[in-house]
Amino acid sequence: MHADVLVIGAHPDDIELSCGGTVAKLVGQGFHVALADLTQGELGTRGTKEIRAQEAAEAARILGVTTRRNLRIPDGGIELSRKNLLKVITLIRELRPRILLIPHDRERHPDHVHTHFLCKEAWFYSGLEKIRTRLNGKFQAPFRPDNFFHFMQKFEFEPTFVVDVSEHFETRMTAIRAHASQFHDPKSKDPETVLSKPEFLEQIRTRAEYYGQTIGVSYGEPFFSPVPIGVKSPFDLVLSRG
């Protein structure tokens, strides 16, 4: 089955933490959204890859997503190699999405940065006839999505556009909490991380409120486009009233 949108993150909770509201909104609008995690998050301080796989499946269910893949690239080893590139190209050619959502290129976590560049190259090379890939023993036709947009993780950037996710923000938060091994649990004996601090989830809400108020809504998720974006009419825009 083809997807309208393919969202790619480095680790099993990256998508929910960055743009889960947008995913839920697109699904609610009838679009087929597919998610892909490059790694199993096996280097994570908390949880195991088995636990994280179960959590990722539950989060996808909450968001209404029926297609979630894991490419099983080694955590901490998202290299810009031909092997990894062909994995992403194969996925793009299989799902044939119109839009890719990927991490920004300036990030705290090296895996997020490497995911950006791997996905950016795969986006371009997936459209080249002479790069051959197979799926289920058959050669795939070349295909390049219309565009890719960056979602925000740790570091902020000046967004090109902000998606109003007010009606879907609580769904996003529920999907985030599905990754329970990563967040605050007073009974957990795992070491504390940035994500497991008690105030972390409230910080997620605060950021969404901030970007929401920039466009005059309750909650927003910011994105960056490497190319200009056209609109059919200025009245299509959601603007904060001055």
Protein backbone atom coordinates (compact mmCIF):
# COMPACT_ATOMS: atom_id res chain seq x y z
CA MET A 1 0.00 0.00 0.00
CA HIS A 2 1.28 3.46 -0.89
CA ALA A 3 1.52 6.26 1.68
CA ASP A 4 0.74 9.95 1.31
CA VAL A 5 3.33 10.88 3.94
CA LEU A 6 6.36 9.02 5.28
CA VAL A 7 7.80 10.21 8.60
CA ILE A 8 11.29 8.98 9.47
CA GLY A 9 13.00 9.19 12.85
CA ALA A 10 16.22 7.79 14.26
CA HIS A 11 14.70 6.17 17.37
CA PRO A 12 11.30 4.67 18.22
CA ASP A 13 9.98 7.74 20.09
CA ASP A 14 11.45 10.56 17.97
CA ILE A 15 8.43 11.02 15.72
CA GLU A 16 5.91 11.24 18.55
CA LEU A 17 8.08 13.72 20.45
CA SER A 18 8.52 15.93 17.38
CA CYS A 19 5.42 15.84 15.20
CA GLY A 20 2.94 13.34 16.61
CA GLY A 21 0.17 15.92 16.45
CA THR A 22 0.72 16.45 12.74
CA VAL A 23 0.68 12.69 12.18
CA ALA A 24 -2.62 12.35 14.05
CA LYS A 25 -4.10 15.32 12.18
CA LEU A 26 -3.16 13.94 8.76
CA VAL A 27 -4.56 10.53 9.66
CA GLY A 28 -7.78 12.23 10.80
CA GLN A 29 -7.98 14.00 7.45
CA GLY A 30 -7.91 10.66 5.66
CA PHE A 31 -4.28 10.57 4.57
CA HIS A 32 -2.24 7.39 4.80
CA VAL A 33 0.73 8.20 7.01
CA ALA A 34 3.56 5.70 7.43
CA LEU A 35 6.20 5.86 10.14
CA ALA A 36 9.74 4.48 10.00
CA ASP A 37 12.28 4.20 12.80
CA LEU A 38 15.82 3.70 11.56
CA THR A 39 17.04 1.96 14.73
CA GLN A 40 15.57 -0.09 17.55
CA GLY A 41 16.92 2.36 20.14
CA GLU A 42 19.04 -0.41 21.62
CA LEU A 43 21.67 2.00 22.99
CA GLY A 44 19.07 3.89 25.00
CA THR A 45 19.78 4.19 28.72
CA ARG A 46 16.29 3.03 29.63
CA GLY A 47 14.27 0.11 28.33
CA THR A 48 15.24 -2.63 25.88
CA LYS A 49 14.74 -2.95 22.15
CA GLU A 50 11.94 -5.46 22.78
CA ILE A 51 10.12 -3.12 25.16
CA ARG A 52 10.63 -0.20 22.80
CA ALA A 53 9.20 -2.16 19.87
CA GLN A 54 6.03 -2.86 21.87
CA GLU A 55 5.79 0.79 22.89
CA ALA A 56 6.26 1.97 19.29
CA ALA A 57 3.46 -0.30 18.09
CA GLU A 58 1.11 1.02 20.77
CA ALA A 59 2.01 4.64 19.98
CA ALA A 60 1.28 4.04 16.29
CA ARG A 61 -2.10 2.57 17.22
CA ILE A 62 -2.92 5.65 19.30
CA LEU A 63 -2.01 7.95 16.40
CA GLY A 64 -4.16 5.89 14.03
CA VAL A 65 -1.17 4.73 11.98
CA THR A 66 -1.31 1.26 10.44
CA THR A 67 2.15 1.20 8.83
CA ARG A 68 5.24 1.46 11.04
CA ARG A 69 8.58 0.01 9.97
CA ASN A 70 11.91 -0.42 11.68
CA LEU A 71 14.93 -0.57 9.36
CA ARG A 72 17.17 -2.01 12.11
CA ILE A 73 20.14 0.17 11.34
CA PRO A 74 22.44 -0.05 14.40
CA ASP A 75 21.70 2.55 17.05
CA GLY A 76 24.67 4.90 17.12
CA GLY A 77 25.67 3.64 13.68
CA ILE A 78 23.45 5.60 11.29
CA GLU A 79 26.23 5.95 8.76
CA LEU A 80 25.86 7.53 5.36
CA SER A 81 26.77 4.24 3.73
CA ARG A 82 25.51 2.62 0.55
CA LYS A 83 23.92 -0.19 2.57
CA ASN A 84 21.92 2.21 4.73
CA LEU A 85 21.10 4.44 1.79
CA LEU A 86 19.64 1.53 -0.17
CA LYS A 87 17.49 0.55 2.83
CA VAL A 88 15.87 3.97 2.90
CA ILE A 89 15.57 4.17 -0.89
CA THR A 90 13.86 0.77 -0.95
CA LEU A 91 11.34 1.95 1.64
CA ILE A 92 10.62 5.19 -0.24
CA ARG A 93 10.12 3.32 -3.51
CA GLU A 94 7.83 0.81 -1.84
CA LEU A 95 5.59 3.36 -0.09
CA ARG A 96 5.87 6.13 -2.72
CA PRO A 97 4.92 9.01 -0.41
CA ARG A 98 4.31 12.52 -1.73
CA ILE A 99 5.94 14.07 1.34
CA LEU A 100 8.79 13.06 3.66
CA LEU A 101 9.09 14.43 7.20
CA ILE A 102 12.64 14.08 8.55
CA PRO A 103 14.83 15.51 11.34
CA HIS A 104 16.47 18.91 10.99
CA ASP A 105 20.17 18.99 10.09
CA ARG A 106 21.28 20.82 13.25
CA GLU A 107 20.70 18.67 16.28
CA ARG A 108 22.16 17.67 19.64
CA HIS A 109 22.06 13.92 18.99
CA PRO A 110 24.44 12.73 16.24
CA ASP A 111 21.94 10.03 15.22
CA HIS A 112 19.38 12.73 14.43
CA VAL A 113 21.87 14.66 12.29
CA HIS A 114 22.93 11.50 10.46
CA THR A 115 19.28 10.57 9.90
CA HIS A 116 18.70 13.95 8.25
CA PHE A 117 21.52 13.53 5.74
CA LEU A 118 20.75 9.87 5.08
CA CYS A 119 17.10 10.69 4.35
CA LYS A 120 17.97 13.75 2.27
CA GLU A 121 20.26 11.70 0.02
CA ALA A 122 17.76 8.85 -0.17
CA TRP A 123 15.06 11.34 -1.21
CA PHE A 124 17.16 12.43 -4.18
CA TYR A 125 18.67 9.10 -5.20
CA SER A 126 15.34 7.26 -4.99
CA GLY A 127 14.41 9.06 -8.21
CA LEU A 128 17.40 7.87 -10.21
CA GLU A 129 16.73 5.06 -12.71
CA LYS A 130 20.27 3.65 -12.56
CA ILE A 131 20.24 3.06 -8.81
CA ARG A 132 18.66 -0.38 -8.69
CA THR A 133 16.81 -1.81 -5.70
CA ARG A 134 14.76 -4.97 -5.24
CA LEU A 135 11.75 -5.73 -3.08
CA ASN A 136 10.52 -9.32 -2.78
CA GLY A 137 12.80 -10.29 -5.63
CA LYS A 138 11.49 -7.66 -8.06
CA PHE A 139 13.22 -4.50 -9.25
CA GLN A 140 11.59 -1.33 -7.99
CA ALA A 141 10.65 1.60 -10.18
CA PRO A 142 12.38 4.89 -9.35
CA PHE A 143 10.32 7.32 -7.32
CA ARG A 144 11.08 10.64 -5.63
CA PRO A 145 8.65 12.31 -3.17
CA ASP A 146 7.57 15.84 -4.08
CA ASN A 147 9.41 17.36 -1.14
CA PHE A 148 10.76 16.84 2.36
CA PHE A 149 10.26 18.98 5.44
CA HIS A 150 12.29 19.07 8.66
CA PHE A 151 10.67 18.55 12.06
CA MET A 152 12.06 20.04 15.28
CA GLN A 153 13.72 18.01 18.01
CA LYS A 154 16.09 19.40 20.68
CA PHE A 155 17.46 22.48 18.91
CA GLU A 156 15.12 25.18 17.65
CA PHE A 157 15.10 26.75 14.19
CA GLU A 158 13.10 29.48 12.48
CA PRO A 159 10.13 27.54 11.07
CA THR A 160 8.86 27.93 7.53
CA PHE A 161 5.40 26.92 8.65
CA VAL A 162 3.61 25.80 11.82
CA VAL A 163 0.87 23.16 11.77
CA ASP A 164 -2.15 23.80 13.99
CA VAL A 165 -2.44 20.58 16.02
CA SER A 166 -4.74 21.92 18.72
CA GLU A 167 -7.43 19.26 18.20
CA HIS A 168 -4.87 16.45 18.15
CA PHE A 169 -2.35 17.54 20.77
CA GLU A 170 -3.70 15.33 23.56
CA THR A 171 -3.56 12.35 21.19
CA ARG A 172 0.09 13.22 20.62
CA MET A 173 0.73 13.32 24.37
CA THR A 174 -0.98 9.96 24.84
CA ALA A 175 1.19 8.48 22.08
CA ILE A 176 4.30 9.94 23.72
CA ARG A 177 3.35 8.39 27.07
CA ALA A 178 3.06 5.01 25.34
CA HIS A 179 6.89 5.05 25.36
CA ALA A 180 6.68 4.65 29.11
CA SER A 181 10.15 3.16 29.56
CA GLN A 182 11.70 6.47 28.51
CA PHE A 183 9.86 8.82 30.86
CA HIS A 184 9.58 9.54 34.55
CA ASP A 185 8.61 6.60 36.69
CA PRO A 186 9.36 6.84 40.42
CA LYS A 187 9.45 3.03 40.59
CA SER A 188 12.07 2.68 37.86
CA LYS A 189 15.61 1.72 38.81
CA ASP A 190 17.03 2.82 35.44
CA PRO A 191 19.40 5.81 35.39
CA GLU A 192 17.81 9.22 34.84
CA THR A 193 18.01 10.84 31.42
CA VAL A 194 16.87 14.16 29.98
CA LEU A 195 13.61 12.51 28.95
CA SER A 196 12.94 10.87 32.30
CA LYS A 197 13.06 14.05 34.36
CA PRO A 198 9.62 14.81 35.87
CA GLU A 199 9.33 18.15 34.05
CA PHE A 200 10.18 16.86 30.55
CA LEU A 201 6.64 16.18 29.30
CA GLU A 202 5.49 19.59 30.51
CA GLN A 203 8.31 21.13 28.46
CA ILE A 204 6.91 19.37 25.39
CA ARG A 205 3.54 20.96 26.07
CA THR A 206 5.09 24.40 26.65
CA ARG A 207 6.94 24.34 23.34
CA ALA A 208 3.77 23.36 21.47
CA GLU A 209 1.89 26.17 23.20
CA TYR A 210 4.61 28.64 22.18
CA TYR A 211 4.53 27.69 18.51
CA GLY A 212 0.76 27.59 18.63
CA GLN A 213 0.57 31.17 19.89
CA THR A 214 2.78 32.33 17.02
CA ILE A 215 -0.11 31.49 14.69
CA GLY A 216 -2.92 32.29 17.11
CA VAL A 217 -3.93 28.74 18.10
CA SER A 218 -3.55 26.58 21.20
CA TYR A 219 -0.87 24.16 20.01
CA GLY A 220 1.46 24.12 17.00
CA GLU A 221 4.25 22.01 15.54
CA PRO A 222 7.03 23.78 13.59
CA PHE A 223 8.58 22.63 10.31
CA PHE A 224 11.29 23.90 7.98
CA SER A 225 11.12 23.73 4.20
CA PRO A 226 14.34 23.94 2.14
CA VAL A 227 12.36 25.47 -0.74
CA PRO A 228 9.67 28.18 -0.94
CA ILE A 229 6.09 27.06 -0.35
CA GLY A 230 3.25 28.41 -2.47
CA VAL A 231 -0.35 28.91 -1.39
CA LYS A 232 -3.42 29.24 -3.58
CA SER A 233 -4.69 32.21 -1.59
CA PRO A 234 -3.57 34.34 1.38
CA PHE A 235 -6.86 33.28 2.99
CA ASP A 236 -5.50 29.71 3.23
CA LEU A 237 -3.07 30.92 5.90
CA VAL A 238 -3.58 30.61 9.65
CA LEU A 239 -2.32 33.87 11.17
CA SER A 240 -2.13 35.28 14.65
CA ARG A 241 -4.28 38.39 14.86
CA GLY A 242 -2.13 41.37 15.72
